[in-house]
Each structure stands twice: as C-alpha cells, then as structure tokens.
Amino acid sequence: MTPDTQLLFVKDERKAYRGKYATMDLLDEAYGIGAARAWLVIEIADLNAFTSSRRMDDRQMASLAGKLAAEYGQLKYSEFLLFFGKMKSGTYGKFYGSVDPMAITCSLLDFMRERQQKLNEYANEDYMRR
C-alpha cells in the first residue's frame, strides 16, 4: 500500500476500520523488526512533501515513524493510511510554519478517539442487524 491508496480509505472509512488488513505489529512479525517503521517513514515523507511548510529532516521522520510503530502497533496500515489522508485534508488542523512531529502525534490522539467512536458505531450497527 502506497500513499496513493489513502484516497481509497478516505472515501470508505468502514473499509479502513473493518477490513482485514495487517497491523503494524504483524508487519514487523512477518517481515522483521523495523518493517512497520520503514513503511511509516514512506507515509510520513509523503505528508512532509505534501505541505508547503518547513519540512522534517530524515532523522525526525525516522524517529517519528519508530514512535508510531512502537506505540500504535495495534493499528492496521489501512487505518494509518486513513489518518494520513485525513491529515492532508486538514481534518486535524493546519501546519503552521513547519511539519511538526508533535502535531502529528497529537492529531493521532484525536484520530484514536474518532476511531473508537466509529468502531463502537459499527458494532452497534452489527448488533441491530442481528
């Protein structure tokens, strides 16, 4: 999955949340420690290139990717694609002056709350259907 795939999940959030996609932890398990971090660096670099703000350097991107992979290993790559797609749409605010790793981690906290609400909503819909 490449950054271009973000649009697929932005159009269909249910697919991102409920689809059978690998988690970051599973990527590391299948392809070796560091696979999730390497994939996340690509997504972060794409976000970095998308903005006209001052950009993160390679060290910052690698550090952020490692933090995200370690702390959010339970997220599926489809959910990260949705998150980065929403970041580009301005859902979690605008970057002022620079692409800030802290702005991304804070936005991810908002995404996690939103994610839990959506998962609860989908579970309730499933329950009502049954």
Protein backbone atom coordinates (compact mmCIF):
# COMPACT_ATOMS: atom_id res chain seq x y z
CA MET A 1 0.00 0.00 0.00
CA THR A 2 1.40 3.33 -1.11
CA PRO A 3 0.42 6.87 -0.14
CA ASP A 4 -1.79 6.96 -3.25
CA THR A 5 -4.02 4.38 -1.55
CA GLN A 6 -5.00 6.90 1.13
CA LEU A 7 -7.89 8.11 -1.04
CA LEU A 8 -9.43 4.64 -1.07
CA PHE A 9 -9.76 4.68 2.70
CA VAL A 10 -10.74 8.34 2.98
CA LYS A 11 -13.66 7.53 0.65
CA ASP A 12 -14.60 4.42 2.63
CA GLU A 13 -13.65 4.69 6.31
CA ARG A 14 -15.51 1.50 7.15
CA LYS A 15 -13.12 -0.40 4.89
CA ALA A 16 -10.14 1.08 6.75
CA TYR A 17 -11.52 0.19 10.18
CA ARG A 18 -13.26 -3.10 9.47
CA GLY A 19 -11.24 -4.51 6.57
CA LYS A 20 -8.91 -7.42 7.12
CA TYR A 21 -5.59 -5.62 6.83
CA ALA A 22 -2.33 -6.23 8.66
CA THR A 23 -1.43 -4.32 11.80
CA MET A 24 1.91 -2.64 12.28
CA ASP A 25 2.86 -5.39 14.75
CA LEU A 26 2.02 -8.05 12.17
CA LEU A 27 4.15 -6.30 9.54
CA ASP A 28 7.11 -6.47 11.91
CA GLU A 29 6.36 -10.11 12.69
CA ALA A 30 6.07 -11.08 9.03
CA TYR A 31 8.90 -9.00 7.55
CA GLY A 32 11.20 -8.43 10.51
CA ILE A 33 11.58 -5.78 13.16
CA GLY A 34 11.66 -2.38 11.52
CA ALA A 35 9.31 -3.20 8.63
CA ALA A 36 6.46 -1.14 10.10
CA ARG A 37 8.82 1.75 10.84
CA ALA A 38 10.17 1.65 7.28
CA TRP A 39 6.64 1.69 5.85
CA LEU A 40 5.65 4.57 8.13
CA VAL A 41 8.69 6.60 7.02
CA ILE A 42 7.30 6.49 3.47
CA GLU A 43 3.90 7.75 4.65
CA ILE A 44 5.47 10.49 6.78
CA ALA A 45 7.75 11.56 3.91
CA ASP A 46 4.70 11.81 1.66
CA LEU A 47 2.94 14.05 4.20
CA ASN A 48 6.14 16.02 4.57
CA ALA A 49 6.30 16.59 0.79
CA PHE A 50 2.60 17.47 0.64
CA THR A 51 2.93 20.52 2.83
CA SER A 52 4.49 23.82 1.87
CA SER A 53 5.70 24.29 5.45
CA ARG A 54 9.26 23.81 6.68
CA ARG A 55 9.86 20.09 6.46
CA MET A 56 11.09 17.45 8.85
CA ASP A 57 14.55 16.07 8.23
CA ASP A 58 15.25 12.36 7.75
CA ARG A 59 16.20 11.88 11.40
CA GLN A 60 12.93 13.39 12.62
CA MET A 61 10.90 11.28 10.20
CA ALA A 62 12.66 8.07 11.27
CA SER A 63 12.24 8.93 14.94
CA LEU A 64 8.54 9.71 14.49
CA ALA A 65 7.99 6.50 12.49
CA GLY A 66 9.66 4.45 15.23
CA LYS A 67 7.48 6.08 17.89
CA LEU A 68 4.30 5.48 15.91
CA ALA A 69 5.19 1.85 15.16
CA ALA A 70 6.00 1.20 18.82
CA GLU A 71 3.02 2.98 20.38
CA TYR A 72 0.37 2.19 17.78
CA GLY A 73 1.33 -1.31 16.70
CA GLN A 74 -2.29 -2.40 17.04
CA LEU A 75 -3.36 -0.11 14.20
CA LYS A 76 -3.77 -1.57 10.75
CA TYR A 77 -1.90 0.01 7.88
CA SER A 78 -5.31 0.87 6.40
CA GLU A 79 -6.04 2.96 9.48
CA PHE A 80 -2.71 4.76 9.18
CA LEU A 81 -3.48 5.44 5.50
CA LEU A 82 -6.84 6.90 6.57
CA PHE A 83 -5.13 9.00 9.23
CA PHE A 84 -2.53 10.42 6.84
CA GLY A 85 -5.21 11.04 4.21
CA LYS A 86 -7.26 12.97 6.76
CA MET A 87 -4.17 14.92 7.82
CA LYS A 88 -3.77 16.07 4.20
CA SER A 89 -7.43 17.09 4.14
CA GLY A 90 -6.92 19.36 7.15
CA THR A 91 -9.19 17.30 9.39
CA TYR A 92 -6.83 17.68 12.32
CA GLY A 93 -5.78 21.26 11.68
CA LYS A 94 -3.17 23.05 9.66
CA PHE A 95 0.60 23.03 9.98
CA TYR A 96 1.81 26.49 10.90
CA GLY A 97 5.39 27.14 9.86
CA SER A 98 6.63 23.56 9.90
CA VAL A 99 5.58 19.93 9.79
CA ASP A 100 5.86 19.20 13.48
CA PRO A 101 6.18 15.62 14.76
CA MET A 102 4.30 16.71 17.90
CA ALA A 103 1.40 17.99 15.79
CA ILE A 104 1.23 14.59 14.12
CA THR A 105 1.30 12.65 17.42
CA CYS A 106 -1.36 14.97 18.91
CA SER A 107 -3.51 14.56 15.81
CA LEU A 108 -3.14 10.80 16.11
CA LEU A 109 -4.65 11.00 19.61
CA ASP A 110 -7.69 12.73 18.08
CA PHE A 111 -7.80 10.04 15.40
CA MET A 112 -7.73 7.31 18.06
CA ARG A 113 -10.77 8.83 19.82
CA GLU A 114 -12.56 9.11 16.47
CA ARG A 115 -11.57 5.53 15.66
CA GLN A 116 -13.06 4.20 18.90
CA GLN A 117 -16.32 6.04 18.23
CA LYS A 118 -16.51 4.58 14.71
CA LEU A 119 -15.74 1.04 15.91
CA ASN A 120 -18.48 1.36 18.54
CA GLU A 121 -20.87 2.69 15.90
CA TYR A 122 -20.13 -0.22 13.55
CA ALA A 123 -20.52 -2.74 16.38
CA ASN A 124 -23.91 -1.23 17.27
CA GLU A 125 -25.00 -1.41 13.63
CA ASP A 126 -23.97 -5.08 13.51
CA TYR A 127 -25.87 -5.76 16.70
CA MET A 128 -29.02 -4.04 15.38
CA ARG A 129 -28.81 -6.05 12.13
CA ARG A 130 -28.68 -9.32 14.04
